[in-house]
PDB file of N, CA and C in Angstrom:
ATOM      1  N   UNK A   1       0.813  -1.198   0.000  1.00  0.00           N
ATOM      2  CA  UNK A   1       0.000   0.000   0.000  1.00  0.00           C
ATOM      3  C   UNK A   1       0.856   1.262   0.000  1.00  0.00           C
ATOM      4  N   UNK A   2       2.072   1.181   0.488  1.00  0.00           N
ATOM      5  CA  UNK A   2       2.933   2.367   0.503  1.00  0.00           C
ATOM      6  C   UNK A   2       3.181   2.869  -0.915  1.00  0.00           C
ATOM      7  N   UNK A   3       3.307   1.945  -1.870  1.00  0.00           N
ATOM      8  CA  UNK A   3       3.519   2.358  -3.264  1.00  0.00           C
ATOM      9  C   UNK A   3       2.315   3.134  -3.776  1.00  0.00           C
ATOM     10  N   UNK A   4       1.104   2.664  -3.452  1.00  0.00           N
ATOM     11  CA  UNK A   4      -0.096   3.383  -3.882  1.00  0.00           C
ATOM     12  C   UNK A   4      -0.158   4.766  -3.245  1.00  0.00           C
ATOM     13  N   UNK A   5       0.238   4.858  -1.995  1.00  0.00           N
ATOM     14  CA  UNK A   5       0.259   6.164  -1.325  1.00  0.00           C
ATOM     15  C   UNK A   5       1.207   7.119  -2.049  1.00  0.00           C
ATOM     16  N   UNK A   6       2.388   6.640  -2.384  1.00  0.00           N
ATOM     17  CA  UNK A   6       3.363   7.474  -3.085  1.00  0.00           C
ATOM     18  C   UNK A   6       2.855   7.855  -4.471  1.00  0.00           C
ATOM     19  N   UNK A   7       2.383   6.875  -5.224  1.00  0.00           N
ATOM     20  CA  UNK A   7       1.944   7.138  -6.596  1.00  0.00           C
ATOM     21  C   UNK A   7       0.681   7.984  -6.653  1.00  0.00           C
ATOM     22  N   UNK A   8      -0.090   7.984  -5.572  1.00  0.00           N
ATOM     23  CA  UNK A   8      -1.314   8.771  -5.535  1.00  0.00           C
ATOM     24  C   UNK A   8      -1.098  10.239  -5.206  1.00  0.00           C
ATOM     25  N   UNK A   9       0.106  10.595  -4.853  1.00  0.00           N
ATOM     26  CA  UNK A   9       0.376  12.002  -4.529  1.00  0.00           C
ATOM     27  C   UNK A   9       0.412  12.834  -5.807  1.00  0.00           C
ATOM     28  N   UNK A  10      -0.125  14.035  -5.682  1.00  0.00           N
ATOM     29  CA  UNK A  10      -0.197  14.932  -6.843  1.00  0.00           C
ATOM     30  C   UNK A  10       1.180  15.096  -7.488  1.00  0.00           C
ATOM     31  N   UNK A  11       1.215  14.991  -8.788  1.00  0.00           N
ATOM     32  CA  UNK A  11       2.374  15.167  -9.654  1.00  0.00           C
ATOM     33  C   UNK A  11       3.293  13.951  -9.736  1.00  0.00           C
ATOM     34  N   UNK A  12       3.155  12.973  -8.865  1.00  0.00           N
ATOM     35  CA  UNK A  12       4.111  11.864  -8.851  1.00  0.00           C
ATOM     36  C   UNK A  12       4.093  11.084 -10.156  1.00  0.00           C
ATOM     37  N   UNK A  13       2.916  10.662 -10.609  1.00  0.00           N
ATOM     38  CA  UNK A  13       2.852   9.903 -11.857  1.00  0.00           C
ATOM     39  C   UNK A  13       3.304  10.746 -13.042  1.00  0.00           C
ATOM     40  N   UNK A  14       2.968  12.010 -13.025  1.00  0.00           N
ATOM     41  CA  UNK A  14       3.387  12.887 -14.128  1.00  0.00           C
ATOM     42  C   UNK A  14       4.904  12.997 -14.177  1.00  0.00           C
ATOM     43  N   UNK A  15       5.540  13.128 -13.035  1.00  0.00           N
ATOM     44  CA  UNK A  15       7.003  13.208 -12.987  1.00  0.00           C
ATOM     45  C   UNK A  15       7.616  11.924 -13.536  1.00  0.00           C
ATOM     46  N   UNK A  16       7.109  10.789 -13.089  1.00  0.00           N
ATOM     47  CA  UNK A  16       7.618   9.511 -13.588  1.00  0.00           C
ATOM     48  C   UNK A  16       7.432   9.406 -15.099  1.00  0.00           C
ATOM     49  N   UNK A  17       6.279   9.850 -15.579  1.00  0.00           N
ATOM     50  CA  UNK A  17       5.993   9.819 -17.014  1.00  0.00           C
ATOM     51  C   UNK A  17       7.003  10.674 -17.783  1.00  0.00           C
ATOM     52  N   UNK A  18       7.294  11.844 -17.288  1.00  0.00           N
ATOM     53  CA  UNK A  18       8.208  12.746 -17.985  1.00  0.00           C
ATOM     54  C   UNK A  18       9.647  12.231 -17.974  1.00  0.00           C
ATOM     55  N   UNK A  19       9.969  11.340 -17.056  1.00  0.00           N
ATOM     56  CA  UNK A  19      11.317  10.768 -16.987  1.00  0.00           C
ATOM     57  C   UNK A  19      11.445   9.476 -17.790  1.00  0.00           C
ATOM     58  N   UNK A  20      10.383   9.070 -18.451  1.00  0.00           N
ATOM     59  CA  UNK A  20      10.353   7.769 -19.120  1.00  0.00           C
ATOM     60  C   UNK A  20      11.395   7.620 -20.232  1.00  0.00           C
ATOM     61  N   UNK A  21      11.774   8.716 -20.881  1.00  0.00           N
ATOM     62  CA  UNK A  21      12.693   8.627 -22.017  1.00  0.00           C
ATOM     63  C   UNK A  21      14.140   8.954 -21.672  1.00  0.00           C
ATOM     64  N   UNK A  22      14.419   9.195 -20.401  1.00  0.00           N
ATOM     65  CA  UNK A  22      15.793   9.475 -20.017  1.00  0.00           C
ATOM     66  C   UNK A  22      15.894  10.668 -19.085  1.00  0.00           C
ATOM     67  N   UNK A  23      17.124  11.038 -18.729  1.00  0.00           N
ATOM     68  CA  UNK A  23      17.346  12.113 -17.764  1.00  0.00           C
ATOM     69  C   UNK A  23      16.757  13.451 -18.220  1.00  0.00           C
ATOM     70  N   UNK A  24      16.223  14.182 -17.247  1.00  0.00           N
ATOM     71  CA  UNK A  24      15.654  15.508 -17.497  1.00  0.00           C
ATOM     72  C   UNK A  24      16.114  16.424 -16.371  1.00  0.00           C
ATOM     73  N   UNK A  25      16.599  17.601 -16.733  1.00  0.00           N
ATOM     74  CA  UNK A  25      17.009  18.590 -15.747  1.00  0.00           C
ATOM     75  C   UNK A  25      15.812  19.152 -14.990  1.00  0.00           C
ATOM     76  N   UNK A  26      16.092  19.761 -13.853  1.00  0.00           N
ATOM     77  CA  UNK A  26      15.029  20.242 -12.971  1.00  0.00           C
ATOM     78  C   UNK A  26      14.117  21.245 -13.664  1.00  0.00           C
ATOM     79  N   UNK A  27      14.691  22.265 -14.272  1.00  0.00           N
ATOM     80  CA  UNK A  27      13.856  23.308 -14.906  1.00  0.00           C
ATOM     81  C   UNK A  27      13.054  22.746 -16.073  1.00  0.00           C
ATOM     82  N   UNK A  28      13.677  21.885 -16.869  1.00  0.00           N
ATOM     83  CA  UNK A  28      12.959  21.264 -17.985  1.00  0.00           C
ATOM     84  C   UNK A  28      11.826  20.384 -17.463  1.00  0.00           C
ATOM     85  N   UNK A  29      12.089  19.662 -16.385  1.00  0.00           N
ATOM     86  CA  UNK A  29      11.063  18.811 -15.796  1.00  0.00           C
ATOM     87  C   UNK A  29       9.911  19.651 -15.264  1.00  0.00           C
ATOM     88  N   UNK A  30      10.234  20.758 -14.638  1.00  0.00           N
ATOM     89  CA  UNK A  30       9.194  21.654 -14.130  1.00  0.00           C
ATOM     90  C   UNK A  30       8.329  22.160 -15.283  1.00  0.00           C
ATOM     91  N   UNK A  31       8.955  22.526 -16.378  1.00  0.00           N
ATOM     92  CA  UNK A  31       8.213  23.018 -17.541  1.00  0.00           C
ATOM     93  C   UNK A  31       7.356  21.908 -18.146  1.00  0.00           C
ATOM     94  N   UNK A  32       7.908  20.710 -18.257  1.00  0.00           N
ATOM     95  CA  UNK A  32       7.167  19.582 -18.821  1.00  0.00           C
ATOM     96  C   UNK A  32       5.977  19.201 -17.949  1.00  0.00           C
ATOM     97  N   UNK A  33       6.078  19.488 -16.678  1.00  0.00           N
ATOM     98  CA  UNK A  33       4.977  19.198 -15.746  1.00  0.00           C
ATOM     99  C   UNK A  33       4.044  20.394 -15.616  1.00  0.00           C
ATOM    100  N   UNK A  34       3.954  21.181 -16.654  1.00  0.00           N
ATOM    101  CA  UNK A  34       3.018  22.307 -16.701  1.00  0.00           C
ATOM    102  C   UNK A  34       3.188  23.285 -15.551  1.00  0.00           C
ATOM    103  N   UNK A  35       4.429  23.530 -15.173  1.00  0.00           N
ATOM    104  CA  UNK A  35       4.680  24.569 -14.188  1.00  0.00           C
ATOM    105  C   UNK A  35       4.415  24.189 -12.750  1.00  0.00           C
ATOM    106  N   UNK A  36       4.581  22.915 -12.400  1.00  0.00           N
ATOM    107  CA  UNK A  36       4.493  22.531 -10.994  1.00  0.00           C
ATOM    108  C   UNK A  36       5.447  23.436 -10.215  1.00  0.00           C
ATOM    109  N   UNK A  37       5.072  23.810  -9.012  1.00  0.00           N
ATOM    110  CA  UNK A  37       5.933  24.712  -8.243  1.00  0.00           C
ATOM    111  C   UNK A  37       7.258  24.023  -7.916  1.00  0.00           C
ATOM    112  N   UNK A  38       8.339  24.797  -7.824  1.00  0.00           N
ATOM    113  CA  UNK A  38       9.633  24.208  -7.493  1.00  0.00           C
ATOM    114  C   UNK A  38       9.616  23.478  -6.154  1.00  0.00           C
ATOM    115  N   UNK A  39       8.868  23.998  -5.202  1.00  0.00           N
ATOM    116  CA  UNK A  39       8.797  23.365  -3.883  1.00  0.00           C
ATOM    117  C   UNK A  39       8.164  21.987  -3.973  1.00  0.00           C
ATOM    118  N   UNK A  40       7.048  21.897  -4.671  1.00  0.00           N
ATOM    119  CA  UNK A  40       6.362  20.605  -4.811  1.00  0.00           C
ATOM    120  C   UNK A  40       7.215  19.641  -5.622  1.00  0.00           C
ATOM    121  N   UNK A  41       7.817  20.117  -6.698  1.00  0.00           N
ATOM    122  CA  UNK A  41       8.663  19.247  -7.515  1.00  0.00           C
ATOM    123  C   UNK A  41       9.836  18.718  -6.700  1.00  0.00           C
ATOM    124  N   UNK A  42      10.487  19.570  -5.937  1.00  0.00           N
ATOM    125  CA  UNK A  42      11.584  19.123  -5.073  1.00  0.00           C
ATOM    126  C   UNK A  42      11.118  18.075  -4.079  1.00  0.00           C
ATOM    127  N   UNK A  43       9.956  18.302  -3.483  1.00  0.00           N
ATOM    128  CA  UNK A  43       9.417  17.349  -2.514  1.00  0.00           C
ATOM    129  C   UNK A  43       9.150  16.004  -3.171  1.00  0.00           C
ATOM    130  N   UNK A  44       8.481  16.024  -4.326  1.00  0.00           N
ATOM    131  CA  UNK A  44       8.167  14.764  -5.013  1.00  0.00           C
ATOM    132  C   UNK A  44       9.435  14.045  -5.447  1.00  0.00           C
ATOM    133  N   UNK A  45      10.406  14.778  -5.960  1.00  0.00           N
ATOM    134  CA  UNK A  45      11.656  14.136  -6.378  1.00  0.00           C
ATOM    135  C   UNK A  45      12.384  13.530  -5.187  1.00  0.00           C
ATOM    136  N   UNK A  46      12.366  14.215  -4.068  1.00  0.00           N
ATOM    137  CA  UNK A  46      12.987  13.680  -2.849  1.00  0.00           C
ATOM    138  C   UNK A  46      12.280  12.387  -2.430  1.00  0.00           C
ATOM    139  N   UNK A  47      10.949  12.377  -2.498  1.00  0.00           N
ATOM    140  CA  UNK A  47      10.185  11.175  -2.145  1.00  0.00           C
ATOM    141  C   UNK A  47      10.486  10.032  -3.110  1.00  0.00           C
ATOM    142  N   UNK A  48      10.572  10.350  -4.399  1.00  0.00           N
ATOM    143  CA  UNK A  48      10.859   9.316  -5.395  1.00  0.00           C
ATOM    144  C   UNK A  48      12.275   8.774  -5.242  1.00  0.00           C
ATOM    145  N   UNK A  49      13.232   9.644  -4.921  1.00  0.00           N
ATOM    146  CA  UNK A  49      14.602   9.170  -4.666  1.00  0.00           C
ATOM    147  C   UNK A  49      14.640   8.293  -3.426  1.00  0.00           C
ATOM    148  N   UNK A  50      13.931   8.711  -2.385  1.00  0.00           N
ATOM    149  CA  UNK A  50      13.887   7.939  -1.143  1.00  0.00           C
ATOM    150  C   UNK A  50      13.280   6.556  -1.372  1.00  0.00           C
ATOM    151  N   UNK A  51      12.332   6.478  -2.297  1.00  0.00           N
ATOM    152  CA  UNK A  51      11.683   5.203  -2.620  1.00  0.00           C
ATOM    153  C   UNK A  51      12.515   4.369  -3.591  1.00  0.00           C
ATOM    154  N   UNK A  52      13.629   4.925  -4.059  1.00  0.00           N
ATOM    155  CA  UNK A  52      14.500   4.189  -4.970  1.00  0.00           C
ATOM    156  C   UNK A  52      14.036   4.189  -6.415  1.00  0.00           C
ATOM    157  N   UNK A  53      13.132   5.108  -6.777  1.00  0.00           N
ATOM    158  CA  UNK A  53      12.584   5.132  -8.134  1.00  0.00           C
ATOM    159  C   UNK A  53      13.305   6.096  -9.062  1.00  0.00           C
ATOM    160  N   UNK A  54      13.915   7.136  -8.508  1.00  0.00           N
ATOM    161  CA  UNK A  54      14.675   8.090  -9.319  1.00  0.00           C
ATOM    162  C   UNK A  54      16.018   8.348  -8.657  1.00  0.00           C
ATOM    163  N   UNK A  55      16.897   8.958  -9.434  1.00  0.00           N
ATOM    164  CA  UNK A  55      18.225   9.310  -8.940  1.00  0.00           C
ATOM    165  C   UNK A  55      18.749  10.478  -9.758  1.00  0.00           C
ATOM    166  N   UNK A  56      19.819  11.092  -9.257  1.00  0.00           N
ATOM    167  CA  UNK A  56      20.507  12.121 -10.034  1.00  0.00           C
ATOM    168  C   UNK A  56      21.343  11.410 -11.081  1.00  0.00           C
ATOM    169  N   UNK A  57      21.190  11.823 -12.314  1.00  0.00           N
ATOM    170  CA  UNK A  57      21.972  11.259 -13.401  1.00  0.00           C
ATOM    171  C   UNK A  57      23.034  12.241 -13.846  1.00  0.00           C
ATOM    172  N   UNK A  58      23.375  12.179 -15.127  1.00  0.00           N
ATOM    173  CA  UNK A  58      24.374  13.098 -15.670  1.00  0.00           C
ATOM    174  C   UNK A  58      23.975  14.555 -15.452  1.00  0.00           C
ATOM    175  N   UNK A  59      24.930  15.353 -15.111  1.00  0.00           N
ATOM    176  CA  UNK A  59      24.700  16.793 -14.915  1.00  0.00           C
ATOM    177  C   UNK A  59      23.585  17.081 -13.917  1.00  0.00           C
ATOM    178  N   UNK A  60      23.421  16.214 -12.925  1.00  0.00           N
ATOM    179  CA  UNK A  60      22.399  16.368 -11.881  1.00  0.00           C
ATOM    180  C   UNK A  60      20.976  16.246 -12.410  1.00  0.00           C
ATOM    181  N   UNK A  61      20.806  15.823 -13.660  1.00  0.00           N
ATOM    182  CA  UNK A  61      19.470  15.603 -14.204  1.00  0.00           C
ATOM    183  C   UNK A  61      18.822  14.433 -13.470  1.00  0.00           C
ATOM    184  N   UNK A  62      17.517  14.458 -13.416  1.00  0.00           N
ATOM    185  CA  UNK A  62      16.776  13.379 -12.765  1.00  0.00           C
ATOM    186  C   UNK A  62      16.573  12.240 -13.761  1.00  0.00           C
ATOM    187  N   UNK A  63      16.644  11.004 -13.279  1.00  0.00           N
ATOM    188  CA  UNK A  63      16.395   9.858 -14.143  1.00  0.00           C
ATOM    189  C   UNK A  63      15.807   8.723 -13.327  1.00  0.00           C
ATOM    190  N   UNK A  64      15.164   7.804 -14.039  1.00  0.00           N
ATOM    191  CA  UNK A  64      14.617   6.624 -13.385  1.00  0.00           C
ATOM    192  C   UNK A  64      15.747   5.661 -13.047  1.00  0.00           C
ATOM    193  N   UNK A  65      15.631   5.010 -11.914  1.00  0.00           N
ATOM    194  CA  UNK A  65      16.544   3.934 -11.537  1.00  0.00           C
ATOM    195  C   UNK A  65      16.050   2.657 -12.223  1.00  0.00           C
ATOM    196  N   UNK A  66      16.794   1.558 -12.127  1.00  0.00           N
ATOM    197  CA  UNK A  66      16.264   0.300 -12.655  1.00  0.00           C
ATOM    198  C   UNK A  66      14.900  -0.053 -12.038  1.00  0.00           C
ATOM    199  N   UNK A  67      14.721   0.224 -10.755  1.00  0.00           N
ATOM    200  CA  UNK A  67      13.423  -0.019 -10.123  1.00  0.00           C
ATOM    201  C   UNK A  67      12.354   0.899 -10.718  1.00  0.00           C
ATOM    202  N   UNK A  68      12.724   2.145 -10.987  1.00  0.00           N
ATOM    203  CA  UNK A  68      11.808   3.078 -11.635  1.00  0.00           C
ATOM    204  C   UNK A  68      11.454   2.626 -13.041  1.00  0.00           C
ATOM    205  N   UNK A  69      12.420   2.060 -13.749  1.00  0.00           N
ATOM    206  CA  UNK A  69      12.150   1.510 -15.084  1.00  0.00           C
ATOM    207  C   UNK A  69      11.186   0.330 -14.991  1.00  0.00           C
ATOM    208  N   UNK A  70      11.347  -0.498 -13.959  1.00  0.00           N
ATOM    209  CA  UNK A  70      10.401  -1.603 -13.747  1.00  0.00           C
ATOM    210  C   UNK A  70       8.989  -1.067 -13.552  1.00  0.00           C
ATOM    211  N   UNK A  71       8.869  -0.009 -12.763  1.00  0.00           N
ATOM    212  CA  UNK A  71       7.558   0.603 -12.543  1.00  0.00           C
ATOM    213  C   UNK A  71       7.009   1.149 -13.851  1.00  0.00           C
ATOM    214  N   UNK A  72       7.848   1.785 -14.644  1.00  0.00           N
ATOM    215  CA  UNK A  72       7.410   2.305 -15.948  1.00  0.00           C
ATOM    216  C   UNK A  72       6.829   1.182 -16.797  1.00  0.00           C
ATOM    217  N   UNK A  73       7.504   0.054 -16.816  1.00  0.00           N
ATOM    218  CA  UNK A  73       7.000  -1.094 -17.577  1.00  0.00           C
ATOM    219  C   UNK A  73       5.665  -1.586 -17.021  1.00  0.00           C
ATOM    220  N   UNK A  74       5.545  -1.569 -15.707  1.00  0.00           N
ATOM    221  CA  UNK A  74       4.298  -2.017 -15.075  1.00  0.00           C
ATOM    222  C   UNK A  74       3.141  -1.074 -15.383  1.00  0.00           C
ATOM    223  N   UNK A  75       3.439   0.188 -15.658  1.00  0.00           N
ATOM    224  CA  UNK A  75       2.394   1.175 -15.931  1.00  0.00           C
ATOM    225  C   UNK A  75       1.948   1.191 -17.388  1.00  0.00           C
ATOM    226  N   UNK A  76       2.660   0.502 -18.272  1.00  0.00           N
ATOM    227  CA  UNK A  76       2.295   0.498 -19.694  1.00  0.00           C
ATOM    228  C   UNK A  76       0.872  -0.012 -19.910  1.00  0.00           C
ATOM    229  N   UNK A  77       0.443  -1.105 -19.264  1.00  0.00           N
ATOM    230  CA  UNK A  77      -0.959  -1.515 -19.443  1.00  0.00           C
ATOM    231  C   UNK A  77      -1.953  -0.457 -18.957  1.00  0.00           C
ATOM    232  N   UNK A  78      -1.611   0.267 -17.912  1.00  0.00           N
ATOM    233  CA  UNK A  78      -2.484   1.342 -17.439  1.00  0.00           C
ATOM    234  C   UNK A  78      -2.563   2.452 -18.478  1.00  0.00           C
ATOM    235  N   UNK A  79      -1.452   2.755 -19.114  1.00  0.00           N
ATOM    236  CA  UNK A  79      -1.451   3.765 -20.174  1.00  0.00           C
ATOM    237  C   UNK A  79      -2.353   3.318 -21.325  1.00  0.00           C
ATOM    238  N   UNK A  80      -2.243   2.061 -21.730  1.00  0.00           N
ATOM    239  CA  UNK A  80      -3.082   1.547 -22.818  1.00  0.00           C
ATOM    240  C   UNK A  80      -4.557   1.618 -22.432  1.00  0.00           C
ATOM    241  N   UNK A  81      -4.856   1.227 -21.203  1.00  0.00           N
ATOM    242  CA  UNK A  81      -6.241   1.301 -20.733  1.00  0.00           C
ATOM    243  C   UNK A  81      -6.737   2.737 -20.741  1.00  0.00           C
ATOM    244  N   UNK A  82      -5.913   3.675 -20.291  1.00  0.00           N
ATOM    245  CA  UNK A  82      -6.347   5.073 -20.218  1.00  0.00           C
ATOM    246  C   UNK A  82      -6.629   5.636 -21.606  1.00  0.00           C
ATOM    247  N   UNK A  83      -5.862   5.203 -22.595  1.00  0.00           N
ATOM    248  CA  UNK A  83      -6.126   5.647 -23.966  1.00  0.00           C
ATOM    249  C   UNK A  83      -7.457   5.099 -24.465  1.00  0.00           C
ATOM    250  N   UNK A  84      -7.736   3.824 -24.170  1.00  0.00           N
ATOM    251  CA  UNK A  84      -9.034   3.238 -24.556  1.00  0.00           C
ATOM    252  C   UNK A  84     -10.168   3.937 -23.825  1.00  0.00           C
ATOM    253  N   UNK A  85      -9.972   4.211 -22.546  1.00  0.00           N
ATOM    254  CA  UNK A  85     -10.991   4.898 -21.751  1.00  0.00           C
ATOM    255  C   UNK A  85     -11.278   6.285 -22.312  1.00  0.00           C
ATOM    256  N   UNK A  86     -10.225   7.032 -22.614  1.00  0.00           N
ATOM    257  CA  UNK A  86     -10.403   8.382 -23.158  1.00  0.00           C
ATOM    258  C   UNK A  86     -11.135   8.330 -24.491  1.00  0.00           C
ATOM    259  N   UNK A  87     -10.798   7.347 -25.320  1.00  0.00           N
ATOM    260  CA  UNK A  87     -11.475   7.212 -26.610  1.00  0.00           C
ATOM    261  C   UNK A  87     -12.950   6.880 -26.416  1.00  0.00           C
ATOM    262  N   UNK A  88     -13.252   5.997 -25.474  1.00  0.00           N
ATOM    263  CA  UNK A  88     -14.658   5.639 -25.236  1.00  0.00           C
ATOM    264  C   UNK A  88     -15.438   6.837 -24.706  1.00  0.00           C
ATOM    265  N   UNK A  89     -14.794   7.643 -23.898  1.00  0.00           N
ATOM    266  CA  UNK A  89     -15.449   8.855 -23.386  1.00  0.00           C
ATOM    267  C   UNK A  89     -15.692   9.839 -24.524  1.00  0.00           C
ATOM    268  N   UNK A  90     -14.713   9.961 -25.392  1.00  0.00           N
ATOM    269  CA  UNK A  90     -14.840  10.859 -26.537  1.00  0.00           C
ATOM    270  C   UNK A  90     -15.955  10.387 -27.467  1.00  0.00           C
ATOM    271  N   UNK A  91     -16.013   9.072 -27.698  1.00  0.00           N
ATOM    272  CA  UNK A  91     -17.052   8.506 -28.562  1.00  0.00           C
ATOM    273  C   UNK A  91     -18.439   8.715 -27.981  1.00  0.00           C
ATOM    274  N   UNK A  92     -18.561   8.617 -26.660  1.00  0.00           N
ATOM    275  CA  UNK A  92     -19.881   8.754 -26.033  1.00  0.00           C
ATOM    276  C   UNK A  92     -20.362  10.198 -26.022  1.00  0.00           C
ATOM    277  N   UNK A  93     -19.452  11.146 -26.199  1.00  0.00           N
ATOM    278  CA  UNK A  93     -19.829  12.559 -26.206  1.00  0.00           C
ATOM    279  C   UNK A  93     -20.228  13.044 -27.594  1.00  0.00           C
ATOM    280  N   UNK A  94     -19.951  12.242 -28.613  1.00  0.00           N
ATOM    281  CA  UNK A  94     -20.298  12.665 -29.979  1.00  0.00           C
ATOM    282  C   UNK A  94     -21.545  11.998 -30.480  1.00  0.00           C
TER     283      UNK A  94
END
């Protein structure tokens, strides 16, 4: 349940999503997350590092750890489901 608590916190899944393709610097990550406040982003990154999901990579950029990559793989079916769900919602509105 601790994983669900962490992943349920605002911005956590978005941060993980933005790190899916490799290291991202702090300012770029903040911009990619639609302007999340620096305080909240720092807090979430600290929590994700503490959980072993992210780490500082090259040039202090944030990146997923091998455990974070495992989580990314585990979330792929959820991403596929969310796309189907969004399409069904779109279809029902037309």
